[in-house]
């Protein structure tokens, strides 16, 4: 079941009626009857409201009997956990869109900040160090024999 709002006429001629729905949040399940009614587990009356909330443990069937006598049956079977939630398509698309927009804005800010700091610095030219040539080598000692 998914919560829906029908804009078309259903087989009973109802236009704009809220359909029966089931929503899951962690291990908590909320069943919604389309009209005011009472909730039953077999023959045991559970609640007199249009929505019934319970902790999901095992597959179960609940009935909603409206004031007009119409019976809606809900059979709930699924996997539930404490940290799970039902992901809405619009929520998912909104999160992805927001992530793309925030990432783009951050990239533009970083680009502009880096461009400003790099243009403020003077251009780097390598400094050449001049070393004078070494002194000439001393003359070799010669032995002179004058005899």
N, C-alpha and C. Protein backbone atom coordinates (compact mmCIF):
# COMPACT_ATOMS: atom_id res chain seq x y z
N UNK A 1 0.83 -1.19 0.00
CA UNK A 1 0.00 0.00 0.00
C UNK A 1 0.87 1.24 0.00
N UNK A 2 0.43 2.26 -0.71
CA UNK A 2 1.09 3.56 -0.70
C UNK A 2 0.02 4.61 -0.53
N UNK A 3 0.27 5.64 0.29
CA UNK A 3 -0.73 6.68 0.46
C UNK A 3 -0.95 7.43 -0.85
N UNK A 4 -2.17 7.49 -1.29
CA UNK A 4 -2.47 8.17 -2.54
C UNK A 4 -3.71 9.03 -2.38
N UNK A 5 -3.82 10.01 -3.22
CA UNK A 5 -5.02 10.82 -3.29
C UNK A 5 -5.54 10.69 -4.71
N UNK A 6 -6.67 10.06 -4.85
CA UNK A 6 -7.20 9.78 -6.17
C UNK A 6 -7.97 10.98 -6.69
N UNK A 7 -7.63 11.43 -7.90
CA UNK A 7 -8.37 12.52 -8.53
C UNK A 7 -9.44 11.97 -9.48
N UNK A 8 -9.36 10.70 -9.81
CA UNK A 8 -10.35 10.10 -10.69
C UNK A 8 -11.45 9.46 -9.84
N UNK A 9 -12.54 9.18 -10.47
CA UNK A 9 -13.60 8.47 -9.77
C UNK A 9 -13.24 7.00 -9.69
N UNK A 10 -13.39 6.44 -8.49
CA UNK A 10 -13.12 5.01 -8.36
C UNK A 10 -14.37 4.22 -8.74
N UNK A 11 -14.34 2.89 -8.52
CA UNK A 11 -15.47 2.07 -8.95
C UNK A 11 -16.74 2.35 -8.15
N UNK A 12 -16.62 3.07 -7.02
CA UNK A 12 -17.79 3.40 -6.23
C UNK A 12 -18.30 4.82 -6.51
N UNK A 13 -17.67 5.50 -7.49
CA UNK A 13 -18.11 6.84 -7.86
C UNK A 13 -17.59 7.93 -6.95
N UNK A 14 -16.56 7.65 -6.20
CA UNK A 14 -16.00 8.63 -5.27
C UNK A 14 -14.90 9.42 -5.98
N UNK A 15 -15.05 10.74 -6.03
CA UNK A 15 -14.05 11.60 -6.67
C UNK A 15 -13.29 12.36 -5.59
N UNK A 16 -11.94 12.32 -5.63
CA UNK A 16 -11.13 13.03 -4.66
C UNK A 16 -11.07 12.36 -3.30
N UNK A 17 -11.37 11.08 -3.22
CA UNK A 17 -11.35 10.36 -1.95
C UNK A 17 -9.93 9.95 -1.60
N UNK A 18 -9.66 9.92 -0.32
CA UNK A 18 -8.37 9.42 0.14
C UNK A 18 -8.47 7.90 0.18
N UNK A 19 -7.50 7.25 -0.44
CA UNK A 19 -7.49 5.79 -0.49
C UNK A 19 -6.93 5.23 0.82
N UNK A 20 -7.21 3.98 1.06
CA UNK A 20 -6.62 3.29 2.21
C UNK A 20 -5.11 3.24 2.01
N UNK A 21 -4.35 3.33 3.10
CA UNK A 21 -2.90 3.37 2.95
C UNK A 21 -2.21 2.70 4.13
N UNK A 22 -0.94 2.39 3.91
CA UNK A 22 -0.08 1.86 4.96
C UNK A 22 1.26 2.56 4.83
N UNK A 23 1.80 3.05 5.94
CA UNK A 23 3.11 3.69 5.91
C UNK A 23 4.00 3.04 6.97
N UNK A 24 5.27 2.94 6.64
CA UNK A 24 6.23 2.26 7.50
C UNK A 24 7.29 3.25 7.94
N UNK A 25 7.64 3.21 9.21
CA UNK A 25 8.74 4.02 9.75
C UNK A 25 9.45 3.15 10.78
N UNK A 26 10.60 2.62 10.37
CA UNK A 26 11.30 1.67 11.23
C UNK A 26 10.46 0.42 11.37
N UNK A 27 10.19 0.00 12.59
CA UNK A 27 9.34 -1.17 12.79
C UNK A 27 7.91 -0.76 13.12
N UNK A 28 7.60 0.53 12.97
CA UNK A 28 6.26 1.03 13.25
C UNK A 28 5.46 1.13 11.95
N UNK A 29 4.24 0.61 11.98
CA UNK A 29 3.37 0.61 10.81
C UNK A 29 2.11 1.40 11.15
N UNK A 30 1.71 2.29 10.25
CA UNK A 30 0.47 3.04 10.43
C UNK A 30 -0.46 2.72 9.27
N UNK A 31 -1.61 2.16 9.59
CA UNK A 31 -2.64 1.85 8.60
C UNK A 31 -3.70 2.94 8.66
N UNK A 32 -4.14 3.39 7.50
CA UNK A 32 -5.14 4.46 7.44
C UNK A 32 -6.35 3.96 6.67
N UNK A 33 -7.50 4.05 7.32
CA UNK A 33 -8.76 3.67 6.70
C UNK A 33 -9.28 4.89 5.93
N UNK A 34 -9.87 4.70 4.75
CA UNK A 34 -10.30 5.86 3.97
C UNK A 34 -11.41 6.68 4.63
N UNK A 35 -12.16 6.09 5.52
CA UNK A 35 -13.23 6.80 6.23
C UNK A 35 -13.12 6.47 7.71
N UNK A 36 -13.82 7.24 8.55
CA UNK A 36 -13.83 6.93 9.98
C UNK A 36 -14.39 5.53 10.19
N UNK A 37 -13.72 4.79 11.05
CA UNK A 37 -14.17 3.44 11.31
C UNK A 37 -13.47 2.86 12.52
N UNK A 38 -13.70 1.60 12.75
CA UNK A 38 -13.09 0.89 13.87
C UNK A 38 -12.17 -0.18 13.33
N UNK A 39 -11.06 -0.40 14.05
CA UNK A 39 -10.07 -1.39 13.64
C UNK A 39 -10.28 -2.68 14.43
N UNK A 40 -10.17 -3.80 13.72
CA UNK A 40 -10.38 -5.11 14.33
C UNK A 40 -9.23 -6.04 13.99
N UNK A 41 -8.88 -6.88 14.97
CA UNK A 41 -7.99 -8.01 14.75
C UNK A 41 -8.87 -9.24 14.92
N UNK A 42 -9.29 -9.80 13.82
CA UNK A 42 -10.31 -10.86 13.78
C UNK A 42 -11.59 -10.28 14.39
N UNK A 43 -12.01 -10.71 15.57
CA UNK A 43 -13.24 -10.19 16.17
C UNK A 43 -12.96 -9.24 17.33
N UNK A 44 -11.70 -8.96 17.61
CA UNK A 44 -11.33 -8.09 18.72
C UNK A 44 -11.20 -6.65 18.24
N UNK A 45 -11.96 -5.75 18.88
CA UNK A 45 -11.91 -4.33 18.51
C UNK A 45 -10.64 -3.71 19.08
N UNK A 46 -9.87 -3.01 18.22
CA UNK A 46 -8.59 -2.43 18.63
C UNK A 46 -8.66 -0.92 18.83
N UNK A 47 -9.33 -0.21 17.92
CA UNK A 47 -9.31 1.24 17.96
C UNK A 47 -10.53 1.79 17.23
N UNK A 48 -10.91 3.04 17.56
CA UNK A 48 -12.06 3.70 16.93
C UNK A 48 -11.63 4.88 16.07
N UNK A 49 -10.39 4.90 15.62
CA UNK A 49 -9.89 6.02 14.82
C UNK A 49 -9.70 5.59 13.38
N UNK A 50 -9.46 6.58 12.50
CA UNK A 50 -9.26 6.24 11.09
C UNK A 50 -7.84 5.73 10.83
N UNK A 51 -6.90 5.93 11.77
CA UNK A 51 -5.53 5.44 11.61
C UNK A 51 -5.18 4.54 12.79
N UNK A 52 -4.49 3.46 12.50
CA UNK A 52 -4.08 2.52 13.54
C UNK A 52 -2.58 2.28 13.41
N UNK A 53 -1.84 2.47 14.51
CA UNK A 53 -0.39 2.32 14.51
C UNK A 53 0.00 1.17 15.42
N UNK A 54 0.94 0.35 14.95
CA UNK A 54 1.41 -0.79 15.74
C UNK A 54 2.86 -1.11 15.39
N UNK A 55 3.51 -1.90 16.24
CA UNK A 55 4.88 -2.35 16.01
C UNK A 55 4.82 -3.64 15.19
N UNK A 56 5.52 -3.64 14.05
CA UNK A 56 5.51 -4.81 13.17
C UNK A 56 6.48 -5.86 13.69
N UNK A 57 5.99 -7.08 13.85
CA UNK A 57 6.83 -8.20 14.26
C UNK A 57 6.65 -9.39 13.33
N UNK A 58 5.40 -9.71 13.02
CA UNK A 58 5.09 -10.85 12.14
C UNK A 58 4.01 -10.40 11.16
N UNK A 59 3.85 -11.11 10.04
CA UNK A 59 2.75 -10.77 9.13
C UNK A 59 1.41 -10.84 9.87
N UNK A 60 0.56 -9.86 9.59
CA UNK A 60 -0.69 -9.75 10.33
C UNK A 60 -1.78 -9.19 9.41
N UNK A 61 -3.03 -9.47 9.77
CA UNK A 61 -4.16 -8.93 9.02
C UNK A 61 -5.07 -8.18 9.98
N UNK A 62 -5.38 -6.92 9.62
CA UNK A 62 -6.31 -6.10 10.38
C UNK A 62 -7.45 -5.68 9.46
N UNK A 63 -8.61 -5.46 10.07
CA UNK A 63 -9.79 -5.03 9.32
C UNK A 63 -10.23 -3.66 9.83
N UNK A 64 -10.68 -2.83 8.88
CA UNK A 64 -11.26 -1.54 9.23
C UNK A 64 -12.71 -1.56 8.76
N UNK A 65 -13.62 -1.41 9.71
CA UNK A 65 -15.04 -1.40 9.38
C UNK A 65 -15.55 0.02 9.56
N UNK A 66 -16.04 0.60 8.46
CA UNK A 66 -16.50 1.99 8.50
C UNK A 66 -17.89 2.08 9.10
N UNK A 67 -18.32 3.31 9.37
CA UNK A 67 -19.65 3.53 9.95
C UNK A 67 -20.75 3.13 8.98
N UNK A 68 -20.44 3.09 7.68
CA UNK A 68 -21.44 2.67 6.69
C UNK A 68 -21.48 1.15 6.54
N UNK A 69 -20.59 0.45 7.26
CA UNK A 69 -20.59 -1.01 7.21
C UNK A 69 -19.60 -1.59 6.21
N UNK A 70 -18.90 -0.73 5.49
CA UNK A 70 -17.92 -1.23 4.50
C UNK A 70 -16.69 -1.75 5.24
N UNK A 71 -16.16 -2.89 4.77
CA UNK A 71 -15.02 -3.54 5.40
C UNK A 71 -13.79 -3.42 4.51
N UNK A 72 -12.70 -2.90 5.08
CA UNK A 72 -11.40 -2.82 4.39
C UNK A 72 -10.45 -3.76 5.12
N UNK A 73 -9.81 -4.63 4.37
CA UNK A 73 -8.87 -5.58 4.97
C UNK A 73 -7.44 -5.19 4.62
N UNK A 74 -6.58 -5.20 5.62
CA UNK A 74 -5.16 -4.88 5.46
C UNK A 74 -4.34 -6.10 5.85
N UNK A 75 -3.56 -6.60 4.92
CA UNK A 75 -2.62 -7.68 5.22
C UNK A 75 -1.22 -7.08 5.12
N UNK A 76 -0.51 -7.07 6.24
CA UNK A 76 0.81 -6.44 6.30
C UNK A 76 1.86 -7.53 6.40
N UNK A 77 2.77 -7.51 5.42
CA UNK A 77 3.88 -8.45 5.40
C UNK A 77 5.08 -7.74 4.79
N UNK A 78 6.20 -7.81 5.44
CA UNK A 78 7.38 -7.15 4.90
C UNK A 78 8.56 -7.29 5.83
N UNK A 79 9.62 -6.58 5.49
CA UNK A 79 10.81 -6.55 6.32
C UNK A 79 10.84 -5.21 7.04
N UNK A 80 11.07 -5.26 8.34
CA UNK A 80 11.11 -4.03 9.12
C UNK A 80 12.32 -4.05 10.03
N UNK A 81 12.89 -2.88 10.24
CA UNK A 81 14.01 -2.74 11.18
C UNK A 81 13.90 -1.38 11.85
N UNK A 82 14.60 -1.22 12.97
CA UNK A 82 14.49 0.01 13.75
C UNK A 82 15.04 1.23 13.03
N UNK A 83 16.10 1.06 12.23
CA UNK A 83 16.74 2.20 11.57
C UNK A 83 16.29 2.38 10.12
N UNK A 84 15.26 1.69 9.70
CA UNK A 84 14.79 1.78 8.31
C UNK A 84 13.67 2.81 8.21
N UNK A 85 13.53 3.41 7.02
CA UNK A 85 12.41 4.29 6.77
C UNK A 85 12.06 4.20 5.29
N UNK A 86 10.84 4.56 4.99
CA UNK A 86 10.36 4.52 3.62
C UNK A 86 10.88 5.76 2.89
N UNK A 87 11.56 5.54 1.78
CA UNK A 87 12.15 6.65 1.03
C UNK A 87 11.17 7.12 -0.04
N UNK A 88 10.77 8.35 0.08
CA UNK A 88 9.86 8.96 -0.88
C UNK A 88 10.66 9.40 -2.11
N UNK A 89 10.11 9.22 -3.30
CA UNK A 89 10.83 9.58 -4.53
C UNK A 89 11.14 11.08 -4.58
N UNK A 90 10.20 11.92 -4.16
CA UNK A 90 10.43 13.36 -4.18
C UNK A 90 11.53 13.75 -3.19
N UNK A 91 11.56 13.10 -2.03
CA UNK A 91 12.61 13.36 -1.06
C UNK A 91 13.97 12.98 -1.63
N UNK A 92 14.06 11.84 -2.28
CA UNK A 92 15.32 11.39 -2.87
C UNK A 92 15.79 12.35 -3.96
N UNK A 93 14.90 12.73 -4.86
CA UNK A 93 15.25 13.66 -5.94
C UNK A 93 15.65 15.02 -5.36
N UNK A 94 14.96 15.46 -4.34
CA UNK A 94 15.30 16.72 -3.68
C UNK A 94 16.67 16.69 -3.04
N UNK A 95 17.01 15.57 -2.40
CA UNK A 95 18.33 15.45 -1.77
C UNK A 95 19.44 15.45 -2.82
N UNK A 96 19.25 14.74 -3.92
CA UNK A 96 20.26 14.70 -4.98
C UNK A 96 20.42 16.08 -5.61
N UNK A 97 19.31 16.76 -5.88
CA UNK A 97 19.37 18.10 -6.47
C UNK A 97 20.07 19.08 -5.53
N UNK A 98 19.73 19.04 -4.26
CA UNK A 98 20.38 19.93 -3.28
C UNK A 98 21.88 19.65 -3.21
N UNK A 99 22.27 18.39 -3.26
CA UNK A 99 23.69 18.03 -3.22
C UNK A 99 24.43 18.58 -4.43
N UNK A 100 23.83 18.46 -5.61
CA UNK A 100 24.47 18.98 -6.83
C UNK A 100 24.60 20.50 -6.76
N UNK A 101 23.58 21.18 -6.30
CA UNK A 101 23.61 22.65 -6.22
C UNK A 101 24.67 23.10 -5.21
N UNK A 102 24.69 22.50 -4.03
CA UNK A 102 25.68 22.88 -3.02
C UNK A 102 27.09 22.60 -3.51
N UNK A 103 27.32 21.46 -4.15
CA UNK A 103 28.65 21.13 -4.67
C UNK A 103 29.08 22.13 -5.74
N UNK A 104 28.17 22.52 -6.62
CA UNK A 104 28.49 23.48 -7.67
C UNK A 104 28.85 24.84 -7.08
N UNK A 105 28.08 25.30 -6.12
CA UNK A 105 28.35 26.59 -5.48
C UNK A 105 29.71 26.55 -4.78
N UNK A 106 30.02 25.47 -4.09
CA UNK A 106 31.32 25.36 -3.42
C UNK A 106 32.47 25.36 -4.43
N UNK A 107 32.31 24.67 -5.54
CA UNK A 107 33.36 24.66 -6.56
C UNK A 107 33.58 26.06 -7.14
N UNK A 108 32.51 26.80 -7.37
CA UNK A 108 32.64 28.17 -7.90
C UNK A 108 33.35 29.06 -6.88
N UNK A 109 32.99 28.95 -5.61
CA UNK A 109 33.64 29.76 -4.57
C UNK A 109 35.12 29.43 -4.49
N UNK A 110 35.46 28.17 -4.48
CA UNK A 110 36.87 27.76 -4.40
C UNK A 110 37.63 28.24 -5.63
N UNK A 111 37.04 28.13 -6.80
CA UNK A 111 37.69 28.58 -8.04
C UNK A 111 37.97 30.08 -7.99
N UNK A 112 36.98 30.85 -7.57
CA UNK A 112 37.16 32.32 -7.54
C UNK A 112 38.17 32.74 -6.48
N UNK A 113 38.18 32.08 -5.33
CA UNK A 113 39.16 32.42 -4.29
C UNK A 113 40.57 32.07 -4.75
N UNK A 114 40.76 30.95 -5.38
CA UNK A 114 42.09 30.57 -5.86
C UNK A 114 42.56 31.49 -6.98
N UNK A 115 41.68 31.90 -7.84
CA UNK A 115 42.04 32.80 -8.94
C UNK A 115 42.49 34.14 -8.39
N UNK A 116 41.84 34.67 -7.37
CA UNK A 116 42.21 35.95 -6.79
C UNK A 116 43.57 35.88 -6.12
N UNK A 117 43.83 34.87 -5.34
CA UNK A 117 45.10 34.80 -4.61
C UNK A 117 46.26 34.56 -5.56
N UNK A 118 46.06 33.82 -6.62
CA UNK A 118 47.17 33.56 -7.52
C UNK A 118 47.49 34.78 -8.38
N UNK A 119 46.53 35.65 -8.68
CA UNK A 119 46.81 36.83 -9.50
C UNK A 119 47.43 37.95 -8.68
N UNK A 120 47.28 37.95 -7.36
CA UNK A 120 47.86 38.99 -6.51
C UNK A 120 49.37 38.81 -6.33
N UNK A 121 49.87 37.62 -6.47
CA UNK A 121 51.29 37.37 -6.25
C UNK A 121 52.10 37.80 -7.47
N UNK A 122 53.31 38.41 -7.24
CA UNK A 122 54.14 38.79 -8.40
C UNK A 122 54.65 37.53 -9.09
N UNK A 123 54.93 37.63 -10.38
CA UNK A 123 55.41 36.45 -11.09
C UNK A 123 56.77 36.02 -10.54
N UNK A 124 56.99 34.76 -10.47
CA UNK A 124 58.23 34.21 -9.92
C UNK A 124 59.26 34.08 -11.02
N UNK A 125 60.43 34.70 -10.80
CA UNK A 125 61.55 34.53 -11.73
C UNK A 125 62.70 33.94 -10.93
N UNK A 126 63.30 32.90 -11.42
CA UNK A 126 64.39 32.28 -10.66
C UNK A 126 65.59 33.21 -10.60
N UNK A 127 66.24 33.26 -9.46
CA UNK A 127 67.41 34.11 -9.24
C UNK A 127 68.65 33.29 -9.57
N UNK A 128 69.51 33.83 -10.46
CA UNK A 128 70.76 33.14 -10.78
C UNK A 128 71.86 33.74 -9.93
N UNK A 129 72.61 32.92 -9.30
CA UNK A 129 73.71 33.37 -8.45
C UNK A 129 74.98 33.36 -9.29
N UNK A 130 75.72 34.47 -9.26
CA UNK A 130 76.95 34.59 -10.04
C UNK A 130 78.13 34.23 -9.14
N UNK A 131 78.90 33.27 -9.57
CA UNK A 131 80.13 32.89 -8.86
C UNK A 131 81.31 33.34 -9.71
N UNK A 132 82.29 34.06 -9.13
CA UNK A 132 83.47 34.48 -9.92
C UNK A 132 84.32 33.25 -10.28
N UNK A 133 85.07 33.36 -11.37
CA UNK A 133 85.90 32.20 -11.74
C UNK A 133 86.98 31.95 -10.69
N UNK A 134 87.39 30.71 -10.54
CA UNK A 134 88.41 30.42 -9.54
C UNK A 134 89.76 31.03 -9.94
N UNK A 135 90.65 31.27 -8.98
CA UNK A 135 91.97 31.85 -9.30
C UNK A 135 92.80 30.84 -10.11
N UNK A 136 93.75 31.34 -10.88
CA UNK A 136 94.57 30.41 -11.66
C UNK A 136 95.43 29.55 -10.74
N UNK A 137 95.77 28.36 -11.19
CA UNK A 137 96.58 27.48 -10.33
C UNK A 137 98.00 28.03 -10.20
N UNK A 138 98.66 27.76 -9.08
CA UNK A 138 100.03 28.25 -8.91
C UNK A 138 100.98 27.49 -9.84
N UNK A 139 102.11 28.13 -10.20
CA UNK A 139 103.07 27.44 -11.07
C UNK A 139 103.72 26.27 -10.34
N UNK A 140 104.05 25.23 -11.07
CA UNK A 140 104.67 24.08 -10.41
C UNK A 140 106.09 24.43 -9.96
N UNK A 141 106.53 23.88 -8.86
CA UNK A 141 107.92 24.16 -8.42
C UNK A 141 108.92 23.39 -9.30
N UNK A 142 109.91 24.12 -9.83
CA UNK A 142 110.94 23.51 -10.68
C UNK A 142 112.27 23.49 -9.92
N UNK A 143 112.95 22.45 -10.05
CA UNK A 143 114.28 22.37 -9.43
C UNK A 143 115.30 22.93 -10.40
N UNK A 144 116.05 23.93 -9.97
CA UNK A 144 117.06 24.54 -10.83
C UNK A 144 118.45 24.17 -10.32
N UNK A 145 119.22 23.64 -11.18
CA UNK A 145 120.60 23.29 -10.85
C UNK A 145 121.51 24.23 -11.64
N UNK A 146 122.24 25.10 -10.99
CA UNK A 146 123.03 26.09 -11.70
C UNK A 146 124.51 25.69 -11.81
N UNK A 147 124.98 24.64 -11.84
CA UNK A 147 126.37 24.28 -12.02
C UNK A 147 126.69 23.96 -13.38
